[in-house]
Amino acid sequence: MNITDIVQNYLAGNQDISFNRDYRMYVRRDPSDRFDSVVRFHVAPKNGLYTAEELNSFMLSLVPELKPASTQPFYDDGTKLNLGQLFYQEKIKASEDGGRCRDLPENALIKPEDMIVRATFIKPFPNIALKDKAVVMNENMAFVLRHTLKQYQNGQIDPDAFRVNIIIEI
């Protein structure tokens, strides 16, 4: 079983969370390039968590079977809560799923021996409202302002109140 399937299975089996799966494929530019794909899981606890310590513990408990290639922890700098994430990387053969990877679009032209390098991110959020906002807006949120997080924590949800910082991931 590949990393993305293991992550999907763990998240699907956890009744205490809400998650969405986002998939992006980066197209082959020339024959010497490989196919790269990114799978991002946006995850939130059903009962919100609002401290860096709680969120780090939550994040690290999501898929205990796998060791991430890298971990970006949550941290609070006093004015904002910087969001964390887990990163996994794997090479899978296109033939793994009957000659093509099931995550590739229908028009992807690949050979069974082609290798696909897939990055899988788990991006936790403090609550479902913030997760859903990030998913709907297709944004990669890097932090939530502290006073805005308090509004969410206290049930004073204003969907336009929080700011996002788009980060570029390589």
N, C-alpha and C. Protein backbone atom coordinates (compact mmCIF):
# COMPACT_ATOMS: atom_id res chain seq x y z
N MET A 1 0.85 -1.18 0.00
CA MET A 1 0.00 0.00 0.00
C MET A 1 0.90 1.24 0.00
N ASN A 2 0.55 2.24 -0.80
CA ASN A 2 1.38 3.43 -0.87
C ASN A 2 1.02 4.42 0.25
N ILE A 3 1.87 5.42 0.42
CA ILE A 3 1.72 6.39 1.51
C ILE A 3 0.38 7.11 1.46
N THR A 4 0.00 7.56 0.29
CA THR A 4 -1.26 8.30 0.16
C THR A 4 -2.45 7.45 0.59
N ASP A 5 -2.44 6.17 0.22
CA ASP A 5 -3.53 5.27 0.63
C ASP A 5 -3.54 5.06 2.14
N ILE A 6 -2.36 4.91 2.74
CA ILE A 6 -2.27 4.74 4.19
C ILE A 6 -2.84 5.97 4.90
N VAL A 7 -2.44 7.16 4.44
CA VAL A 7 -2.96 8.40 5.04
C VAL A 7 -4.47 8.47 4.88
N GLN A 8 -4.96 8.21 3.68
CA GLN A 8 -6.40 8.23 3.41
C GLN A 8 -7.15 7.28 4.35
N ASN A 9 -6.63 6.07 4.53
CA ASN A 9 -7.28 5.08 5.38
C ASN A 9 -7.31 5.52 6.84
N TYR A 10 -6.20 6.05 7.34
CA TYR A 10 -6.18 6.53 8.72
C TYR A 10 -7.19 7.66 8.92
N LEU A 11 -7.20 8.61 8.01
CA LEU A 11 -8.10 9.75 8.16
C LEU A 11 -9.56 9.31 8.04
N ALA A 12 -9.85 8.43 7.09
CA ALA A 12 -11.22 7.96 6.91
C ALA A 12 -11.73 7.17 8.11
N GLY A 13 -10.82 6.53 8.83
CA GLY A 13 -11.20 5.74 9.99
C GLY A 13 -11.31 6.54 11.28
N ASN A 14 -10.98 7.81 11.23
CA ASN A 14 -11.00 8.65 12.43
C ASN A 14 -12.32 9.44 12.48
N GLN A 15 -13.20 9.05 13.37
CA GLN A 15 -14.52 9.69 13.47
C GLN A 15 -14.48 11.06 14.15
N ASP A 16 -13.32 11.44 14.70
CA ASP A 16 -13.21 12.70 15.42
C ASP A 16 -12.70 13.85 14.56
N ILE A 17 -12.56 13.60 13.25
CA ILE A 17 -12.02 14.63 12.36
C ILE A 17 -12.92 14.82 11.14
N SER A 18 -12.68 15.93 10.45
CA SER A 18 -13.25 16.19 9.14
C SER A 18 -12.05 16.40 8.21
N PHE A 19 -12.11 15.82 7.01
CA PHE A 19 -11.00 16.05 6.09
C PHE A 19 -11.48 16.11 4.64
N ASN A 20 -10.66 16.78 3.83
CA ASN A 20 -10.87 16.88 2.39
C ASN A 20 -9.56 16.48 1.73
N ARG A 21 -9.67 15.88 0.55
CA ARG A 21 -8.49 15.50 -0.21
C ARG A 21 -8.44 16.37 -1.46
N ASP A 22 -7.29 16.99 -1.68
CA ASP A 22 -7.06 17.85 -2.84
C ASP A 22 -5.92 17.23 -3.64
N TYR A 23 -6.11 17.09 -4.94
CA TYR A 23 -5.09 16.48 -5.78
C TYR A 23 -4.67 17.43 -6.89
N ARG A 24 -3.38 17.51 -7.10
CA ARG A 24 -2.85 18.30 -8.22
C ARG A 24 -1.76 17.50 -8.91
N MET A 25 -1.77 17.54 -10.21
CA MET A 25 -0.75 16.86 -10.99
C MET A 25 0.04 17.89 -11.78
N TYR A 26 1.33 17.73 -11.78
CA TYR A 26 2.20 18.63 -12.53
C TYR A 26 2.61 17.89 -13.80
N VAL A 27 2.38 18.53 -14.93
CA VAL A 27 2.51 17.87 -16.23
C VAL A 27 3.96 17.70 -16.63
N ARG A 28 4.21 16.61 -17.34
CA ARG A 28 5.55 16.32 -17.87
C ARG A 28 5.88 17.34 -18.96
N ARG A 29 7.01 18.00 -18.84
CA ARG A 29 7.39 19.04 -19.80
C ARG A 29 8.17 18.46 -20.99
N ASP A 30 9.00 17.48 -20.74
CA ASP A 30 9.71 16.80 -21.81
C ASP A 30 9.96 15.37 -21.38
N PRO A 31 10.37 14.49 -22.30
CA PRO A 31 10.48 13.06 -21.96
C PRO A 31 11.43 12.75 -20.81
N SER A 32 12.39 13.63 -20.52
CA SER A 32 13.32 13.35 -19.43
C SER A 32 12.74 13.71 -18.06
N ASP A 33 11.66 14.47 -18.03
CA ASP A 33 11.01 14.82 -16.77
C ASP A 33 10.19 13.65 -16.25
N ARG A 34 9.93 13.66 -14.98
CA ARG A 34 9.05 12.65 -14.39
C ARG A 34 7.69 13.29 -14.10
N PHE A 35 6.70 12.47 -13.91
CA PHE A 35 5.40 12.98 -13.48
C PHE A 35 5.49 13.27 -11.99
N ASP A 36 5.05 14.41 -11.61
CA ASP A 36 4.97 14.73 -10.20
C ASP A 36 3.54 15.04 -9.85
N SER A 37 3.12 14.60 -8.70
CA SER A 37 1.78 14.91 -8.24
C SER A 37 1.83 15.30 -6.78
N VAL A 38 0.84 16.05 -6.38
CA VAL A 38 0.72 16.49 -4.99
C VAL A 38 -0.68 16.14 -4.51
N VAL A 39 -0.75 15.49 -3.37
CA VAL A 39 -2.01 15.20 -2.71
C VAL A 39 -1.97 15.92 -1.38
N ARG A 40 -2.96 16.75 -1.15
CA ARG A 40 -3.01 17.51 0.10
C ARG A 40 -4.30 17.15 0.83
N PHE A 41 -4.14 16.73 2.07
CA PHE A 41 -5.28 16.45 2.94
C PHE A 41 -5.46 17.61 3.90
N HIS A 42 -6.60 18.29 3.83
CA HIS A 42 -6.95 19.34 4.78
C HIS A 42 -7.74 18.67 5.89
N VAL A 43 -7.29 18.81 7.13
CA VAL A 43 -7.84 18.06 8.25
C VAL A 43 -8.17 19.03 9.40
N ALA A 44 -9.27 18.75 10.10
CA ALA A 44 -9.62 19.54 11.28
C ALA A 44 -10.31 18.65 12.31
N PRO A 45 -10.06 18.90 13.59
CA PRO A 45 -10.80 18.16 14.62
C PRO A 45 -12.24 18.64 14.65
N LYS A 46 -13.17 17.73 14.92
CA LYS A 46 -14.58 18.13 14.99
C LYS A 46 -14.83 19.09 16.15
N ASN A 47 -14.08 18.90 17.24
CA ASN A 47 -14.10 19.85 18.35
C ASN A 47 -12.81 20.65 18.26
N GLY A 48 -12.91 21.94 17.96
CA GLY A 48 -11.75 22.77 17.67
C GLY A 48 -10.64 22.68 18.70
N LEU A 49 -9.41 22.86 18.22
CA LEU A 49 -8.22 22.96 19.06
C LEU A 49 -7.57 24.31 18.74
N TYR A 50 -7.12 25.04 19.77
CA TYR A 50 -6.72 26.42 19.53
C TYR A 50 -5.34 26.78 20.05
N THR A 51 -4.58 25.82 20.56
CA THR A 51 -3.21 26.14 20.97
C THR A 51 -2.24 25.35 20.10
N ALA A 52 -1.03 25.88 19.98
CA ALA A 52 -0.01 25.20 19.18
C ALA A 52 0.27 23.81 19.76
N GLU A 53 0.31 23.70 21.07
CA GLU A 53 0.60 22.41 21.71
C GLU A 53 -0.47 21.38 21.37
N GLU A 54 -1.74 21.76 21.50
CA GLU A 54 -2.84 20.84 21.18
C GLU A 54 -2.80 20.43 19.71
N LEU A 55 -2.56 21.41 18.85
CA LEU A 55 -2.57 21.13 17.41
C LEU A 55 -1.38 20.28 16.98
N ASN A 56 -0.20 20.49 17.60
CA ASN A 56 0.95 19.65 17.28
C ASN A 56 0.70 18.20 17.70
N SER A 57 0.13 18.02 18.87
CA SER A 57 -0.19 16.68 19.35
C SER A 57 -1.21 16.01 18.42
N PHE A 58 -2.24 16.77 18.06
CA PHE A 58 -3.27 16.29 17.13
C PHE A 58 -2.64 15.89 15.79
N MET A 59 -1.82 16.75 15.23
CA MET A 59 -1.20 16.51 13.93
C MET A 59 -0.36 15.24 13.95
N LEU A 60 0.46 15.08 14.98
CA LEU A 60 1.36 13.93 15.04
C LEU A 60 0.62 12.62 15.32
N SER A 61 -0.62 12.70 15.81
CA SER A 61 -1.39 11.49 16.09
C SER A 61 -2.20 11.01 14.89
N LEU A 62 -2.26 11.78 13.82
CA LEU A 62 -3.14 11.45 12.70
C LEU A 62 -2.76 10.17 11.97
N VAL A 63 -1.47 9.96 11.73
CA VAL A 63 -1.01 8.76 11.01
C VAL A 63 0.22 8.22 11.74
N PRO A 64 0.02 7.57 12.89
CA PRO A 64 1.17 7.15 13.70
C PRO A 64 2.05 6.10 13.04
N GLU A 65 1.53 5.39 12.05
CA GLU A 65 2.28 4.34 11.38
C GLU A 65 3.42 4.89 10.50
N LEU A 66 3.27 6.13 10.02
CA LEU A 66 4.24 6.69 9.08
C LEU A 66 5.10 7.78 9.70
N LYS A 67 6.37 7.76 9.34
CA LYS A 67 7.26 8.84 9.75
C LYS A 67 7.33 9.83 8.59
N PRO A 68 6.97 11.09 8.82
CA PRO A 68 7.00 12.06 7.72
C PRO A 68 8.43 12.38 7.28
N ALA A 69 8.57 12.76 6.02
CA ALA A 69 9.86 13.22 5.51
C ALA A 69 10.23 14.55 6.18
N SER A 70 9.21 15.37 6.46
CA SER A 70 9.44 16.60 7.22
C SER A 70 8.17 17.00 7.94
N THR A 71 8.38 17.74 9.02
CA THR A 71 7.28 18.23 9.84
C THR A 71 7.46 19.72 10.04
N GLN A 72 6.42 20.46 9.79
CA GLN A 72 6.41 21.89 10.09
C GLN A 72 5.45 22.06 11.27
N PRO A 73 5.99 22.36 12.46
CA PRO A 73 5.12 22.42 13.64
C PRO A 73 4.27 23.69 13.68
N PHE A 74 3.16 23.62 14.41
CA PHE A 74 2.38 24.80 14.74
C PHE A 74 3.19 25.61 15.75
N TYR A 75 3.14 26.93 15.66
CA TYR A 75 3.73 27.75 16.72
C TYR A 75 3.00 29.09 16.79
N ASP A 76 2.95 29.61 17.99
CA ASP A 76 2.26 30.87 18.26
C ASP A 76 3.32 31.93 18.52
N ASP A 77 3.31 32.99 17.72
CA ASP A 77 4.31 34.05 17.91
C ASP A 77 3.74 35.25 18.67
N GLY A 78 2.56 35.07 19.25
CA GLY A 78 1.95 36.14 20.04
C GLY A 78 0.86 36.89 19.29
N THR A 79 1.06 37.10 17.99
CA THR A 79 0.04 37.79 17.20
C THR A 79 -0.70 36.85 16.27
N LYS A 80 -0.08 35.71 15.97
CA LYS A 80 -0.72 34.77 15.07
C LYS A 80 -0.31 33.34 15.40
N LEU A 81 -1.19 32.43 15.03
CA LEU A 81 -0.89 31.01 15.15
C LEU A 81 -0.43 30.54 13.77
N ASN A 82 0.82 30.15 13.68
CA ASN A 82 1.39 29.65 12.43
C ASN A 82 1.02 28.18 12.31
N LEU A 83 0.44 27.83 11.18
CA LEU A 83 -0.09 26.49 10.98
C LEU A 83 1.00 25.50 10.59
N GLY A 84 0.83 24.28 11.05
CA GLY A 84 1.80 23.23 10.77
C GLY A 84 1.35 22.33 9.64
N GLN A 85 2.21 21.39 9.29
CA GLN A 85 1.86 20.38 8.29
C GLN A 85 2.86 19.24 8.33
N LEU A 86 2.42 18.11 7.82
CA LEU A 86 3.28 16.94 7.64
C LEU A 86 3.50 16.74 6.16
N PHE A 87 4.69 16.27 5.78
CA PHE A 87 5.03 16.05 4.38
C PHE A 87 5.59 14.65 4.21
N TYR A 88 5.07 13.94 3.22
CA TYR A 88 5.56 12.61 2.86
C TYR A 88 5.87 12.61 1.37
N GLN A 89 6.86 11.83 0.96
CA GLN A 89 7.18 11.73 -0.46
C GLN A 89 7.39 10.27 -0.81
N GLU A 90 6.93 9.90 -1.99
CA GLU A 90 7.08 8.52 -2.43
C GLU A 90 7.21 8.46 -3.94
N LYS A 91 7.88 7.43 -4.40
CA LYS A 91 7.93 7.13 -5.83
C LYS A 91 7.07 5.90 -6.03
N ILE A 92 6.16 6.02 -6.97
CA ILE A 92 5.30 4.87 -7.27
C ILE A 92 5.35 4.61 -8.77
N LYS A 93 5.25 3.35 -9.15
CA LYS A 93 5.20 2.99 -10.56
C LYS A 93 3.81 3.25 -11.11
N ALA A 94 3.79 3.69 -12.33
CA ALA A 94 2.51 3.92 -12.99
C ALA A 94 1.72 2.62 -13.09
N SER A 95 2.43 1.50 -13.19
CA SER A 95 1.77 0.20 -13.33
C SER A 95 1.13 -0.27 -12.03
N GLU A 96 1.35 0.44 -10.95
CA GLU A 96 0.81 0.03 -9.66
C GLU A 96 -0.71 -0.14 -9.68
N ASP A 97 -1.37 0.62 -10.51
CA ASP A 97 -2.83 0.52 -10.61
C ASP A 97 -3.24 0.08 -12.00
N GLY A 98 -2.82 -1.10 -12.40
CA GLY A 98 -3.23 -1.64 -13.69
C GLY A 98 -2.70 -0.85 -14.86
N GLY A 99 -1.48 -0.35 -14.76
CA GLY A 99 -0.87 0.36 -15.87
C GLY A 99 -0.93 1.87 -15.75
N ARG A 100 -1.66 2.35 -14.80
CA ARG A 100 -1.69 3.80 -14.57
C ARG A 100 -2.01 4.07 -13.12
N CYS A 101 -1.49 5.14 -12.62
CA CYS A 101 -1.76 5.52 -11.25
C CYS A 101 -3.18 6.05 -11.16
N ARG A 102 -3.94 5.61 -10.18
CA ARG A 102 -5.35 6.02 -10.10
C ARG A 102 -5.51 7.52 -9.85
N ASP A 103 -4.46 8.20 -9.43
CA ASP A 103 -4.57 9.63 -9.19
C ASP A 103 -4.30 10.46 -10.44
N LEU A 104 -3.91 9.82 -11.53
CA LEU A 104 -3.61 10.58 -12.75
C LEU A 104 -4.89 10.84 -13.53
N PRO A 105 -4.97 12.01 -14.16
CA PRO A 105 -6.16 12.30 -14.98
C PRO A 105 -6.23 11.37 -16.19
N GLU A 106 -7.41 11.26 -16.76
CA GLU A 106 -7.64 10.35 -17.89
C GLU A 106 -6.70 10.60 -19.06
N ASN A 107 -6.33 11.85 -19.30
CA ASN A 107 -5.52 12.16 -20.48
C ASN A 107 -4.01 12.06 -20.22
N ALA A 108 -3.60 11.56 -19.06
CA ALA A 108 -2.17 11.44 -18.78
C ALA A 108 -1.58 10.30 -19.61
N LEU A 109 -0.57 10.60 -20.37
CA LEU A 109 0.07 9.60 -21.21
C LEU A 109 1.32 9.11 -20.49
N ILE A 110 1.25 7.91 -19.97
CA ILE A 110 2.38 7.35 -19.25
C ILE A 110 2.56 5.90 -19.66
N LYS A 111 3.75 5.41 -19.40
CA LYS A 111 4.06 4.01 -19.65
C LYS A 111 4.06 3.30 -18.29
N PRO A 112 3.79 2.01 -18.28
CA PRO A 112 3.76 1.29 -17.01
C PRO A 112 5.05 1.39 -16.20
N GLU A 113 6.19 1.55 -16.88
CA GLU A 113 7.46 1.63 -16.16
C GLU A 113 7.79 3.03 -15.64
N ASP A 114 7.00 4.03 -16.04
CA ASP A 114 7.25 5.39 -15.56
C ASP A 114 7.08 5.48 -14.05
N MET A 115 7.93 6.26 -13.44
CA MET A 115 7.83 6.50 -12.01
C MET A 115 7.15 7.85 -11.78
N ILE A 116 6.28 7.87 -10.83
CA ILE A 116 5.59 9.09 -10.44
C ILE A 116 6.10 9.46 -9.06
N VAL A 117 6.57 10.67 -8.92
CA VAL A 117 7.00 11.15 -7.61
C VAL A 117 5.82 11.91 -7.02
N ARG A 118 5.32 11.41 -5.91
CA ARG A 118 4.13 12.01 -5.32
C ARG A 118 4.46 12.56 -3.93
N ALA A 119 4.06 13.80 -3.73
CA ALA A 119 4.17 14.43 -2.41
C ALA A 119 2.79 14.40 -1.76
N THR A 120 2.75 14.00 -0.51
CA THR A 120 1.50 13.98 0.24
C THR A 120 1.66 14.89 1.45
N PHE A 121 0.77 15.86 1.57
CA PHE A 121 0.78 16.79 2.70
C PHE A 121 -0.45 16.56 3.55
N ILE A 122 -0.28 16.62 4.85
CA ILE A 122 -1.41 16.68 5.78
C ILE A 122 -1.36 18.07 6.39
N LYS A 123 -2.39 18.85 6.12
CA LYS A 123 -2.47 20.24 6.57
C LYS A 123 -3.61 20.36 7.58
N PRO A 124 -3.31 20.31 8.89
CA PRO A 124 -4.36 20.45 9.90
C PRO A 124 -4.75 21.91 10.11
N PHE A 125 -6.00 22.10 10.51
CA PHE A 125 -6.54 23.42 10.83
C PHE A 125 -7.16 23.35 12.22
N PRO A 126 -7.26 24.49 12.90
CA PRO A 126 -7.82 24.50 14.27
C PRO A 126 -9.28 24.04 14.35
N ASN A 127 -10.07 24.30 13.31
CA ASN A 127 -11.47 23.89 13.33
C ASN A 127 -11.98 23.67 11.91
N ILE A 128 -13.16 23.11 11.81
CA ILE A 128 -13.73 22.76 10.51
C ILE A 128 -14.02 24.01 9.67
N ALA A 129 -14.47 25.10 10.30
CA ALA A 129 -14.79 26.32 9.54
C ALA A 129 -13.56 26.85 8.81
N LEU A 130 -12.41 26.89 9.49
CA LEU A 130 -11.19 27.37 8.84
C LEU A 130 -10.73 26.41 7.74
N LYS A 131 -10.85 25.11 8.00
CA LYS A 131 -10.49 24.13 6.97
C LYS A 131 -11.35 24.31 5.73
N ASP A 132 -12.65 24.39 5.95
CA ASP A 132 -13.56 24.52 4.82
C ASP A 132 -13.34 25.82 4.04
N LYS A 133 -13.04 26.88 4.73
CA LYS A 133 -12.76 28.16 4.07
C LYS A 133 -11.52 28.03 3.18
N ALA A 134 -10.48 27.40 3.70
CA ALA A 134 -9.25 27.22 2.92
C ALA A 134 -9.51 26.33 1.70
N VAL A 135 -10.31 25.29 1.87
CA VAL A 135 -10.61 24.38 0.75
C VAL A 135 -11.42 25.10 -0.32
N VAL A 136 -12.48 25.80 0.09
CA VAL A 136 -13.36 26.49 -0.86
C VAL A 136 -12.59 27.56 -1.63
N MET A 137 -11.74 28.30 -0.93
CA MET A 137 -10.99 29.38 -1.57
C MET A 137 -9.74 28.87 -2.27
N ASN A 138 -9.45 27.54 -2.15
CA ASN A 138 -8.27 26.95 -2.75
C ASN A 138 -7.00 27.70 -2.35
N GLU A 139 -6.91 27.99 -1.07
CA GLU A 139 -5.76 28.73 -0.55
C GLU A 139 -4.96 27.86 0.40
N ASN A 140 -3.68 28.12 0.43
CA ASN A 140 -2.80 27.42 1.36
C ASN A 140 -2.51 28.38 2.51
N MET A 141 -3.32 28.31 3.52
CA MET A 141 -3.21 29.19 4.67
C MET A 141 -1.94 28.87 5.45
N ALA A 142 -1.17 29.88 5.81
CA ALA A 142 0.04 29.68 6.59
C ALA A 142 -0.15 30.07 8.05
N PHE A 143 -1.10 30.96 8.34
CA PHE A 143 -1.33 31.36 9.73
C PHE A 143 -2.74 31.89 9.90
N VAL A 144 -3.16 31.98 11.15
CA VAL A 144 -4.42 32.61 11.52
C VAL A 144 -4.09 33.64 12.58
N LEU A 145 -4.58 34.86 12.40
CA LEU A 145 -4.33 35.90 13.39
C LEU A 145 -4.94 35.49 14.73
N ARG A 146 -4.24 35.79 15.81
CA ARG A 146 -4.64 35.38 17.15
C ARG A 146 -6.05 35.89 17.50
N HIS A 147 -6.34 37.17 17.22
CA HIS A 147 -7.66 37.71 17.58
C HIS A 147 -8.77 37.06 16.75
N THR A 148 -8.47 36.68 15.53
CA THR A 148 -9.45 35.99 14.69
C THR A 148 -9.70 34.58 15.21
N LEU A 149 -8.64 33.92 15.63
CA LEU A 149 -8.77 32.58 16.19
C LEU A 149 -9.65 32.61 17.44
N LYS A 150 -9.51 33.67 18.25
CA LYS A 150 -10.36 33.84 19.44
C LYS A 150 -11.83 33.94 19.04
N GLN A 151 -12.12 34.66 17.95
CA GLN A 151 -13.50 34.77 17.48
C GLN A 151 -14.07 33.40 17.11
N TYR A 152 -13.25 32.59 16.44
CA TYR A 152 -13.69 31.23 16.11
C TYR A 152 -13.89 30.41 17.38
N GLN A 153 -12.95 30.52 18.29
CA GLN A 153 -13.01 29.76 19.53
C GLN A 153 -14.26 30.12 20.35
N ASN A 154 -14.64 31.38 20.34
CA ASN A 154 -15.79 31.85 21.10
C ASN A 154 -17.11 31.75 20.33
N GLY A 155 -17.07 31.19 19.12
CA GLY A 155 -18.29 31.03 18.34
C GLY A 155 -18.73 32.28 17.60
N GLN A 156 -17.89 33.29 17.55
CA GLN A 156 -18.21 34.54 16.85
C GLN A 156 -17.59 34.46 15.45
N ILE A 157 -18.09 33.57 14.63
CA ILE A 157 -17.46 33.30 13.34
C ILE A 157 -17.88 34.34 12.31
N ASP A 158 -16.90 35.05 11.82
CA ASP A 158 -17.08 35.98 10.72
C ASP A 158 -16.23 35.44 9.57
N PRO A 159 -16.85 34.86 8.54
CA PRO A 159 -16.06 34.20 7.51
C PRO A 159 -15.09 35.11 6.76
N ASP A 160 -15.27 36.41 6.83
CA ASP A 160 -14.34 37.31 6.15
C ASP A 160 -13.32 37.94 7.10
N ALA A 161 -13.29 37.50 8.34
CA ALA A 161 -12.46 38.15 9.34
C ALA A 161 -11.00 37.75 9.29
N PHE A 162 -10.72 36.54 8.87
CA PHE A 162 -9.33 36.11 8.98
C PHE A 162 -8.55 36.43 7.72
N ARG A 163 -7.27 36.58 7.90
CA ARG A 163 -6.36 36.83 6.79
C ARG A 163 -5.60 35.55 6.49
N VAL A 164 -5.19 35.41 5.25
CA VAL A 164 -4.37 34.25 4.88
C VAL A 164 -3.10 34.75 4.24
N ASN A 165 -2.08 33.95 4.39
CA ASN A 165 -0.81 34.23 3.75
C ASN A 165 -0.52 33.04 2.85
N ILE A 166 -0.42 33.27 1.56
CA ILE A 166 -0.16 32.20 0.62
C ILE A 166 1.34 31.92 0.63
N ILE A 167 1.68 30.64 0.83
CA ILE A 167 3.08 30.26 0.80
C ILE A 167 3.31 29.37 -0.40
N ILE A 168 4.48 29.45 -0.95
CA ILE A 168 4.83 28.62 -2.10
C ILE A 168 5.56 27.40 -1.56
N GLU A 169 5.08 26.23 -1.95
CA GLU A 169 5.71 24.99 -1.54
C GLU A 169 6.39 24.36 -2.74
N ILE A 170 7.58 23.91 -2.52
CA ILE A 170 8.33 23.25 -3.60
C ILE A 170 8.28 21.77 -3.40
